[in-house]
Amino acid sequence: MFTDSLLDESRDFWARQPCNIKHSELELGTKEYFHEVERKRYFVEPHIPIFAEFTKWKGQRVLEIGCGIGTDGVNFARHGANYTGLELSKVSLNLAKQRFKNEGLFGRFFLGDVESMGKVLKDEKFDLIYSFGVLHHIPSIESALAEIRRLCSKNTVFKLMVYARHSWKNALISQGLDRPEAQAGCPIANTYSKEEIECLLSTANFRTDSIEQAHIFPWKIQNYLKGDYQKEDWFNAMPDEVFAAISRSLGWHLLINASSS
C-alpha cells in the first residue's frame, strides 16, 4: 500500500509537471494547446494508438488508470467509448476534464490512487481497463493488480504499459546517463522483465495474451524541446529497419495485452 508520505510525494511530483504538459507552448487548456500536445505525443510514440486500439471500444465501458491530461482518454471517447478516468494528480485531472469539455465529449473522472479506486468505483465492471505508463510508479504493483482484477468481468481486456528492465534507456539510466522521466526526482520508477510481469499478472489471476517491446527515444533533447526533431547522430546513421529491430528488443515500453477470462 501507499504510505501517506509517499502518496503525497508522488502527487506533488506529477502536479509540478504533468506528463506531456510541456508538449505545447500555446495557452494552457485551449483546444489548440491540446491538439498540439496530442500531435507531438503520437509523433514521438506512434505505437500508442496501435496498442490502445481506440476505434475498437465503441459502446464499451473503458476505465483508464492514470488518465493524465486526457490525451488517450479523449481518443477513446471520440470513438464512442463509455469512458472513465482515474488520476492521482488534481492538476492533471482538471486538465483532462477541460479537454473533454473543449471537445463536447462526456467522461467520468475520479481523483484517487489505484489502490483505493474500489471505494469510488465499488462493484462496477469494465470491458477494457487501460493503463499506460502508470503502474511502474506504484510501490506495490501486486496490490494494484489485485484491485484492478476486482473491476473485471469475465471478458475484460487489460492493456498496460510498464517500463522494461532490459532496455536501451534503462542501460543508460544505470550508468547515470539518463533518467526515467522528463523532470528529475521521480519518487518511484520501477522496471520489469517480460517474465516478471507475466508472473505478476498470473498471480493476480490475469492471462497474458501478448507482450511486445517498443520505443527508443532517438531525438536530440535540446532540439526536441524547441520542436525541432533531429535524431542523435548514431540513430540518424542507422537504417530504419535496424532501429525498428532494436526497438522491438530494447524498447523502454513493455506493451502487455492481458485478459480476465
C-alpha atoms as a PDB file:
ATOM      1  CA  MET A   1       0.000   0.000   0.000  1.00  0.00           C
ATOM      2  CA  PHE A   2       0.995   3.610  -0.472  1.00  0.00           C
ATOM      3  CA  THR A   3       2.253   5.284   2.683  1.00  0.00           C
ATOM      4  CA  ASP A   4       0.751   8.742   3.180  1.00  0.00           C
ATOM      5  CA  SER A   5       4.139  10.426   2.719  1.00  0.00           C
ATOM      6  CA  LEU A   6       4.934   8.527  -0.482  1.00  0.00           C
ATOM      7  CA  LEU A   7       1.458   9.179  -1.842  1.00  0.00           C
ATOM      8  CA  ASP A   8       1.883  12.901  -1.159  1.00  0.00           C
ATOM      9  CA  GLU A   9       5.343  12.856  -2.736  1.00  0.00           C
ATOM     10  CA  SER A  10       4.033  11.185  -5.885  1.00  0.00           C
ATOM     11  CA  ARG A  11       1.051  13.514  -6.088  1.00  0.00           C
ATOM     12  CA  ASP A  12       3.288  16.576  -5.700  1.00  0.00           C
ATOM     13  CA  PHE A  13       5.737  15.294  -8.319  1.00  0.00           C
ATOM     14  CA  TRP A  14       3.063  14.876 -11.012  1.00  0.00           C
ATOM     15  CA  ALA A  15       1.336  18.125 -10.018  1.00  0.00           C
ATOM     16  CA  ARG A  16       4.554  20.066 -10.664  1.00  0.00           C
ATOM     17  CA  GLN A  17       4.810  18.823 -14.229  1.00  0.00           C
ATOM     18  CA  PRO A  18       2.061  16.523 -15.500  1.00  0.00           C
ATOM     19  CA  CYS A  19       3.193  14.128 -18.204  1.00  0.00           C
ATOM     20  CA  ASN A  20       3.365  15.788 -21.663  1.00  0.00           C
ATOM     21  CA  ILE A  21       2.222  19.181 -20.321  1.00  0.00           C
ATOM     22  CA  LYS A  22       5.229  20.876 -21.957  1.00  0.00           C
ATOM     23  CA  HIS A  23       4.480  19.486 -25.404  1.00  0.00           C
ATOM     24  CA  SER A  24       2.958  22.843 -26.296  1.00  0.00           C
ATOM     25  CA  GLU A  25       3.748  26.472 -25.501  1.00  0.00           C
ATOM     26  CA  LEU A  26       0.269  27.591 -26.541  1.00  0.00           C
ATOM     27  CA  GLU A  27      -2.242  28.809 -23.950  1.00  0.00           C
ATOM     28  CA  LEU A  28      -2.773  26.034 -21.428  1.00  0.00           C
ATOM     29  CA  GLY A  29      -6.184  24.400 -21.677  1.00  0.00           C
ATOM     30  CA  THR A  30      -7.188  25.683 -25.099  1.00  0.00           C
ATOM     31  CA  LYS A  31      -8.224  23.432 -27.971  1.00  0.00           C
ATOM     32  CA  GLU A  32      -5.099  24.438 -29.857  1.00  0.00           C
ATOM     33  CA  TYR A  33      -2.916  23.555 -26.881  1.00  0.00           C
ATOM     34  CA  PHE A  34      -4.397  20.083 -26.502  1.00  0.00           C
ATOM     35  CA  HIS A  35      -4.239  19.377 -30.227  1.00  0.00           C
ATOM     36  CA  GLU A  36      -0.520  20.184 -30.298  1.00  0.00           C
ATOM     37  CA  VAL A  37       0.100  18.013 -27.225  1.00  0.00           C
ATOM     38  CA  GLU A  38      -1.704  15.137 -28.923  1.00  0.00           C
ATOM     39  CA  ARG A  39       0.147  15.569 -32.210  1.00  0.00           C
ATOM     40  CA  LYS A  40       3.540  15.554 -30.503  1.00  0.00           C
ATOM     41  CA  ARG A  41       2.684  12.629 -28.221  1.00  0.00           C
ATOM     42  CA  TYR A  42       1.700  10.353 -31.061  1.00  0.00           C
ATOM     43  CA  PHE A  43       4.530  11.529 -33.301  1.00  0.00           C
ATOM     44  CA  VAL A  44       7.102  10.553 -30.683  1.00  0.00           C
ATOM     45  CA  GLU A  45       5.191   7.459 -29.525  1.00  0.00           C
ATOM     46  CA  PRO A  46       3.316   6.189 -32.603  1.00  0.00           C
ATOM     47  CA  HIS A  47       2.878   2.779 -31.003  1.00  0.00           C
ATOM     48  CA  ILE A  48       0.286   4.186 -28.568  1.00  0.00           C
ATOM     49  CA  PRO A  49      -2.716   4.390 -30.953  1.00  0.00           C
ATOM     50  CA  ILE A  50      -1.841   0.960 -32.340  1.00  0.00           C
ATOM     51  CA  PHE A  51      -1.669  -0.527 -28.855  1.00  0.00           C
ATOM     52  CA  ALA A  52      -4.760   1.238 -27.470  1.00  0.00           C
ATOM     53  CA  GLU A  53      -6.969   0.354 -30.472  1.00  0.00           C
ATOM     54  CA  PHE A  54      -9.148   3.408 -29.847  1.00  0.00           C
ATOM     55  CA  THR A  55     -11.648   2.533 -32.580  1.00  0.00           C
ATOM     56  CA  LYS A  56     -12.371  -0.891 -31.110  1.00  0.00           C
ATOM     57  CA  TRP A  57     -14.178   0.242 -27.967  1.00  0.00           C
ATOM     58  CA  LYS A  58     -17.302   1.984 -29.243  1.00  0.00           C
ATOM     59  CA  GLY A  59     -20.124   1.457 -26.768  1.00  0.00           C
ATOM     60  CA  GLN A  60     -17.789  -0.346 -24.369  1.00  0.00           C
ATOM     61  CA  ARG A  61     -17.023   0.563 -20.756  1.00  0.00           C
ATOM     62  CA  VAL A  62     -13.424   1.810 -20.643  1.00  0.00           C
ATOM     63  CA  LEU A  63     -11.516   2.632 -17.457  1.00  0.00           C
ATOM     64  CA  GLU A  64      -8.191   4.419 -17.750  1.00  0.00           C
ATOM     65  CA  ILE A  65      -5.989   4.227 -14.679  1.00  0.00           C
ATOM     66  CA  GLY A  66      -3.794   7.310 -14.654  1.00  0.00           C
ATOM     67  CA  CYS A  67      -5.568   9.385 -17.292  1.00  0.00           C
ATOM     68  CA  GLY A  68      -3.099  12.279 -17.076  1.00  0.00           C
ATOM     69  CA  ILE A  69      -4.246  15.311 -19.042  1.00  0.00           C
ATOM     70  CA  GLY A  70      -6.625  13.238 -21.145  1.00  0.00           C
ATOM     71  CA  THR A  71      -4.816  12.654 -24.429  1.00  0.00           C
ATOM     72  CA  ASP A  72      -5.576   8.947 -24.703  1.00  0.00           C
ATOM     73  CA  GLY A  73      -8.880   9.312 -22.885  1.00  0.00           C
ATOM     74  CA  VAL A  74     -10.280  11.774 -25.379  1.00  0.00           C
ATOM     75  CA  ASN A  75      -9.435   9.379 -28.200  1.00  0.00           C
ATOM     76  CA  PHE A  76     -11.405   6.583 -26.558  1.00  0.00           C
ATOM     77  CA  ALA A  77     -14.338   8.969 -26.118  1.00  0.00           C
ATOM     78  CA  ARG A  78     -14.133  10.305 -29.678  1.00  0.00           C
ATOM     79  CA  HIS A  79     -14.662   6.772 -30.924  1.00  0.00           C
ATOM     80  CA  GLY A  80     -17.709   6.194 -28.761  1.00  0.00           C
ATOM     81  CA  ALA A  81     -16.363   4.507 -25.635  1.00  0.00           C
ATOM     82  CA  ASN A  82     -18.125   4.986 -22.296  1.00  0.00           C
ATOM     83  CA  TYR A  83     -15.051   6.464 -20.667  1.00  0.00           C
ATOM     84  CA  THR A  84     -13.985   6.691 -17.008  1.00  0.00           C
ATOM     85  CA  GLY A  85     -10.673   8.223 -15.949  1.00  0.00           C
ATOM     86  CA  LEU A  86      -8.872   7.838 -12.624  1.00  0.00           C
ATOM     87  CA  GLU A  87      -5.989  10.166 -11.779  1.00  0.00           C
ATOM     88  CA  LEU A  88      -3.819  10.853  -8.723  1.00  0.00           C
ATOM     89  CA  SER A  89      -2.922  14.447  -9.653  1.00  0.00           C
ATOM     90  CA  LYS A  90      -5.691  17.034  -9.320  1.00  0.00           C
ATOM     91  CA  VAL A  91      -3.816  19.303 -11.739  1.00  0.00           C
ATOM     92  CA  SER A  92      -3.831  16.612 -14.427  1.00  0.00           C
ATOM     93  CA  LEU A  93      -7.423  15.618 -13.732  1.00  0.00           C
ATOM     94  CA  ASN A  94      -8.682  19.181 -14.126  1.00  0.00           C
ATOM     95  CA  LEU A  95      -6.875  19.474 -17.459  1.00  0.00           C
ATOM     96  CA  ALA A  96      -8.407  16.182 -18.620  1.00  0.00           C
ATOM     97  CA  LYS A  97     -11.865  17.472 -17.718  1.00  0.00           C
ATOM     98  CA  GLN A  98     -11.149  20.671 -19.640  1.00  0.00           C
ATOM     99  CA  ARG A  99     -10.022  18.654 -22.649  1.00  0.00           C
ATOM    100  CA  PHE A 100     -13.294  16.748 -22.736  1.00  0.00           C
ATOM    101  CA  LYS A 101     -15.306  19.964 -22.261  1.00  0.00           C
ATOM    102  CA  ASN A 102     -13.462  21.635 -25.147  1.00  0.00           C
ATOM    103  CA  GLU A 103     -14.473  18.829 -27.483  1.00  0.00           C
ATOM    104  CA  GLY A 104     -18.004  18.373 -26.206  1.00  0.00           C
ATOM    105  CA  LEU A 105     -17.279  14.821 -25.045  1.00  0.00           C
ATOM    106  CA  PHE A 106     -18.586  13.038 -21.983  1.00  0.00           C
ATOM    107  CA  GLY A 107     -16.438  11.194 -19.482  1.00  0.00           C
ATOM    108  CA  ARG A 108     -16.487  10.414 -15.801  1.00  0.00           C
ATOM    109  CA  PHE A 109     -13.460  11.405 -13.744  1.00  0.00           C
ATOM    110  CA  PHE A 110     -12.307  10.393 -10.287  1.00  0.00           C
ATOM    111  CA  LEU A 111      -9.432  11.683  -8.185  1.00  0.00           C
ATOM    112  CA  GLY A 112      -7.507   8.976  -6.362  1.00  0.00           C
ATOM    113  CA  ASP A 113      -4.849   6.291  -6.463  1.00  0.00           C
ATOM    114  CA  VAL A 114      -5.249   2.843  -7.946  1.00  0.00           C
ATOM    115  CA  GLU A 115      -5.190   1.062  -4.597  1.00  0.00           C
ATOM    116  CA  SER A 116      -8.235   2.956  -3.309  1.00  0.00           C
ATOM    117  CA  MET A 117     -10.261   3.076  -6.526  1.00  0.00           C
ATOM    118  CA  GLY A 118     -12.581   0.339  -5.325  1.00  0.00           C
ATOM    119  CA  LYS A 119     -14.030   2.847  -2.873  1.00  0.00           C
ATOM    120  CA  VAL A 120     -15.210   5.132  -5.667  1.00  0.00           C
ATOM    121  CA  LEU A 121     -15.962   2.589  -8.381  1.00  0.00           C
ATOM    122  CA  LYS A 122     -17.367  -0.024  -5.962  1.00  0.00           C
ATOM    123  CA  ASP A 123     -18.773  -3.011  -7.858  1.00  0.00           C
ATOM    124  CA  GLU A 124     -18.510  -1.601 -11.384  1.00  0.00           C
ATOM    125  CA  LYS A 125     -17.131  -3.794 -14.158  1.00  0.00           C
ATOM    126  CA  PHE A 126     -15.352  -2.659 -17.320  1.00  0.00           C
ATOM    127  CA  ASP A 127     -14.826  -4.095 -20.786  1.00  0.00           C
ATOM    128  CA  LEU A 128     -11.373  -2.507 -21.090  1.00  0.00           C
ATOM    129  CA  ILE A 129      -9.028  -1.411 -18.328  1.00  0.00           C
ATOM    130  CA  TYR A 130      -6.180   0.636 -19.785  1.00  0.00           C
ATOM    131  CA  SER A 131      -3.118   1.962 -18.006  1.00  0.00           C
ATOM    132  CA  PHE A 132      -0.240   3.409 -19.993  1.00  0.00           C
ATOM    133  CA  GLY A 133       2.911   4.272 -18.076  1.00  0.00           C
ATOM    134  CA  VAL A 134       1.410   4.321 -14.591  1.00  0.00           C
ATOM    135  CA  LEU A 135       1.741   1.055 -12.669  1.00  0.00           C
ATOM    136  CA  HIS A 136       5.553   1.213 -12.581  1.00  0.00           C
ATOM    137  CA  HIS A 137       5.148   4.332 -10.406  1.00  0.00           C
ATOM    138  CA  ILE A 138       3.306   2.394  -7.684  1.00  0.00           C
ATOM    139  CA  PRO A 139       5.105   0.939  -4.619  1.00  0.00           C
ATOM    140  CA  SER A 140       3.106  -2.299  -4.727  1.00  0.00           C
ATOM    141  CA  ILE A 141       2.101  -3.341  -8.211  1.00  0.00           C
ATOM    142  CA  GLU A 142       0.808  -6.568  -6.649  1.00  0.00           C
ATOM    143  CA  SER A 143      -1.813  -4.650  -4.639  1.00  0.00           C
ATOM    144  CA  ALA A 144      -2.695  -2.552  -7.674  1.00  0.00           C
ATOM    145  CA  LEU A 145      -3.241  -5.605  -9.897  1.00  0.00           C
ATOM    146  CA  ALA A 146      -5.461  -7.196  -7.239  1.00  0.00           C
ATOM    147  CA  GLU A 147      -7.629  -4.061  -7.147  1.00  0.00           C
ATOM    148  CA  ILE A 148      -7.798  -3.923 -10.938  1.00  0.00           C
ATOM    149  CA  ARG A 149      -8.850  -7.579 -11.086  1.00  0.00           C
ATOM    150  CA  ARG A 150     -11.886  -6.811  -8.906  1.00  0.00           C
ATOM    151  CA  LEU A 151     -13.179  -4.436 -11.594  1.00  0.00           C
ATOM    152  CA  CYS A 152     -13.055  -7.080 -14.317  1.00  0.00           C
ATOM    153  CA  SER A 153     -15.916  -9.050 -15.748  1.00  0.00           C
ATOM    154  CA  LYS A 154     -15.212 -12.499 -17.145  1.00  0.00           C
ATOM    155  CA  ASN A 155     -14.306 -10.990 -20.538  1.00  0.00           C
ATOM    156  CA  THR A 156     -12.403  -7.835 -19.556  1.00  0.00           C
ATOM    157  CA  VAL A 157      -9.340  -6.868 -21.599  1.00  0.00           C
ATOM    158  CA  PHE A 158      -6.477  -5.325 -19.630  1.00  0.00           C
ATOM    159  CA  LYS A 159      -3.930  -3.262 -21.543  1.00  0.00           C
ATOM    160  CA  LEU A 160      -0.962  -1.862 -19.674  1.00  0.00           C
ATOM    161  CA  MET A 161       2.441  -0.393 -20.344  1.00  0.00           C
ATOM    162  CA  VAL A 162       5.269  -0.619 -17.836  1.00  0.00           C
ATOM    163  CA  TYR A 163       8.951   0.185 -18.187  1.00  0.00           C
ATOM    164  CA  ALA A 164      11.235  -2.549 -19.487  1.00  0.00           C
ATOM    165  CA  ARG A 165      14.219  -3.561 -17.396  1.00  0.00           C
ATOM    166  CA  HIS A 166      16.119  -4.971 -20.374  1.00  0.00           C
ATOM    167  CA  SER A 167      16.087  -1.795 -22.456  1.00  0.00           C
ATOM    168  CA  TRP A 168      18.345   0.783 -24.068  1.00  0.00           C
ATOM    169  CA  LYS A 169      17.082   3.534 -21.772  1.00  0.00           C
ATOM    170  CA  ASN A 170      17.454   1.538 -18.575  1.00  0.00           C
ATOM    171  CA  ALA A 171      21.050   0.742 -19.515  1.00  0.00           C
ATOM    172  CA  LEU A 172      21.718   4.486 -19.794  1.00  0.00           C
ATOM    173  CA  ILE A 173      19.901   5.188 -16.513  1.00  0.00           C
ATOM    174  CA  SER A 174      22.042   2.585 -14.727  1.00  0.00           C
ATOM    175  CA  GLN A 175      25.169   4.463 -15.865  1.00  0.00           C
ATOM    176  CA  GLY A 176      23.848   7.874 -14.838  1.00  0.00           C
ATOM    177  CA  LEU A 177      23.378   8.991 -18.455  1.00  0.00           C
ATOM    178  CA  ASP A 178      19.579   9.327 -18.402  1.00  0.00           C
ATOM    179  CA  ARG A 179      16.593   9.407 -16.035  1.00  0.00           C
ATOM    180  CA  PRO A 180      13.174   7.782 -16.259  1.00  0.00           C
ATOM    181  CA  GLU A 181      11.072  10.970 -16.508  1.00  0.00           C
ATOM    182  CA  ALA A 182      11.458  14.400 -18.100  1.00  0.00           C
ATOM    183  CA  GLN A 183      11.676  16.058 -14.691  1.00  0.00           C
ATOM    184  CA  ALA A 184      14.182  14.875 -12.126  1.00  0.00           C
ATOM    185  CA  GLY A 185      13.302  13.267  -8.820  1.00  0.00           C
ATOM    186  CA  CYS A 186      10.569  10.788  -9.730  1.00  0.00           C
ATOM    187  CA  PRO A 187       9.744   9.025  -6.425  1.00  0.00           C
ATOM    188  CA  ILE A 188       9.253   5.579  -7.982  1.00  0.00           C
ATOM    189  CA  ALA A 189      10.030   4.288 -11.476  1.00  0.00           C
ATOM    190  CA  ASN A 190      10.205   0.504 -11.393  1.00  0.00           C
ATOM    191  CA  THR A 191      11.220  -1.677 -14.324  1.00  0.00           C
ATOM    192  CA  TYR A 192      10.160  -5.212 -15.181  1.00  0.00           C
ATOM    193  CA  SER A 193      11.261  -8.111 -17.315  1.00  0.00           C
ATOM    194  CA  LYS A 194       8.711  -9.826 -19.542  1.00  0.00           C
ATOM    195  CA  GLU A 195       8.868 -12.925 -17.356  1.00  0.00           C
ATOM    196  CA  GLU A 196       8.354 -10.921 -14.170  1.00  0.00           C
ATOM    197  CA  ILE A 197       5.316  -9.004 -15.397  1.00  0.00           C
ATOM    198  CA  GLU A 198       3.753 -12.209 -16.730  1.00  0.00           C
ATOM    199  CA  CYS A 199       4.236 -13.829 -13.316  1.00  0.00           C
ATOM    200  CA  LEU A 200       2.703 -10.828 -11.548  1.00  0.00           C
ATOM    201  CA  LEU A 201      -0.313 -10.916 -13.843  1.00  0.00           C
ATOM    202  CA  SER A 202      -0.751 -14.652 -13.346  1.00  0.00           C
ATOM    203  CA  THR A 203      -0.685 -14.222  -9.557  1.00  0.00           C
ATOM    204  CA  ALA A 204      -3.463 -11.630  -9.905  1.00  0.00           C
ATOM    205  CA  ASN A 205      -5.474 -14.118 -11.983  1.00  0.00           C
ATOM    206  CA  PHE A 206      -4.894 -12.494 -15.366  1.00  0.00           C
ATOM    207  CA  ARG A 207      -3.902 -14.355 -18.513  1.00  0.00           C
ATOM    208  CA  THR A 208      -1.125 -12.714 -20.511  1.00  0.00           C
ATOM    209  CA  ASP A 209      -2.068 -12.747 -24.195  1.00  0.00           C
ATOM    210  CA  SER A 210       0.897 -10.840 -25.604  1.00  0.00           C
ATOM    211  CA  ILE A 211       3.913  -8.789 -24.565  1.00  0.00           C
ATOM    212  CA  GLU A 212       5.765  -6.583 -27.028  1.00  0.00           C
ATOM    213  CA  GLN A 213       8.564  -4.094 -26.608  1.00  0.00           C
ATOM    214  CA  ALA A 214       8.741  -0.641 -28.213  1.00  0.00           C
ATOM    215  CA  HIS A 215      10.033   2.921 -28.016  1.00  0.00           C
ATOM    216  CA  ILE A 216      13.587   4.140 -28.111  1.00  0.00           C
ATOM    217  CA  PHE A 217      13.758   7.944 -27.990  1.00  0.00           C
ATOM    218  CA  PRO A 218      16.140   8.953 -30.818  1.00  0.00           C
ATOM    219  CA  TRP A 219      15.886  12.758 -30.655  1.00  0.00           C
ATOM    220  CA  LYS A 220      18.444  15.344 -29.555  1.00  0.00           C
ATOM    221  CA  ILE A 221      16.913  16.676 -26.361  1.00  0.00           C
ATOM    222  CA  GLN A 222      17.690  20.373 -26.729  1.00  0.00           C
ATOM    223  CA  ASN A 223      16.337  20.448 -30.282  1.00  0.00           C
ATOM    224  CA  TYR A 224      13.322  18.348 -29.301  1.00  0.00           C
ATOM    225  CA  LEU A 225      12.369  20.803 -26.541  1.00  0.00           C
ATOM    226  CA  LYS A 226      12.173  23.515 -29.213  1.00  0.00           C
ATOM    227  CA  GLY A 227      10.014  21.383 -31.505  1.00  0.00           C
ATOM    228  CA  ASP A 228      12.944  20.626 -33.799  1.00  0.00           C
ATOM    229  CA  TYR A 229      13.114  16.877 -34.385  1.00  0.00           C
ATOM    230  CA  GLN A 230      16.736  15.994 -35.078  1.00  0.00           C
ATOM    231  CA  LYS A 231      17.977  12.497 -34.325  1.00  0.00           C
ATOM    232  CA  GLU A 232      21.149  11.793 -32.419  1.00  0.00           C
ATOM    233  CA  ASP A 233      23.944  11.158 -34.922  1.00  0.00           C
ATOM    234  CA  TRP A 234      24.179   7.425 -34.174  1.00  0.00           C
ATOM    235  CA  PHE A 235      20.431   6.965 -34.711  1.00  0.00           C
ATOM    236  CA  ASN A 236      20.422   9.186 -37.788  1.00  0.00           C
ATOM    237  CA  ALA A 237      23.030   6.940 -39.384  1.00  0.00           C
ATOM    238  CA  MET A 238      21.043   3.805 -38.579  1.00  0.00           C
ATOM    239  CA  PRO A 239      18.760   2.262 -41.244  1.00  0.00           C
ATOM    240  CA  ASP A 240      15.076   2.389 -40.261  1.00  0.00           C
ATOM    241  CA  GLU A 241      14.740  -1.381 -40.240  1.00  0.00           C
ATOM    242  CA  VAL A 242      17.698  -1.700 -37.851  1.00  0.00           C
ATOM    243  CA  PHE A 243      16.262   0.929 -35.499  1.00  0.00           C
ATOM    244  CA  ALA A 244      12.893  -0.864 -35.578  1.00  0.00           C
ATOM    245  CA  ALA A 245      14.562  -4.181 -34.740  1.00  0.00           C
ATOM    246  CA  ILE A 246      16.445  -2.647 -31.811  1.00  0.00           C
ATOM    247  CA  SER A 247      13.242  -1.020 -30.539  1.00  0.00           C
ATOM    248  CA  ARG A 248      11.460  -4.379 -30.555  1.00  0.00           C
ATOM    249  CA  SER A 249      14.246  -5.865 -28.438  1.00  0.00           C
ATOM    250  CA  LEU A 250      15.423  -2.914 -26.316  1.00  0.00           C
ATOM    251  CA  GLY A 251      12.465  -0.513 -26.223  1.00  0.00           C
ATOM    252  CA  TRP A 252      11.608   1.276 -22.980  1.00  0.00           C
ATOM    253  CA  HIS A 253       7.940   0.252 -23.100  1.00  0.00           C
ATOM    254  CA  LEU A 254       6.567  -3.197 -22.404  1.00  0.00           C
ATOM    255  CA  LEU A 255       3.149  -3.325 -24.076  1.00  0.00           C
ATOM    256  CA  ILE A 256       1.041  -6.007 -22.445  1.00  0.00           C
ATOM    257  CA  ASN A 257      -2.319  -7.358 -23.513  1.00  0.00           C
ATOM    258  CA  ALA A 258      -3.946  -9.425 -20.771  1.00  0.00           C
ATOM    259  CA  SER A 259      -7.418 -10.752 -20.076  1.00  0.00           C
ATOM    260  CA  SER A 260      -9.545 -11.920 -17.168  1.00  0.00           C
ATOM    261  CA  SER A 261     -11.022 -14.925 -18.950  1.00  0.00           C
END
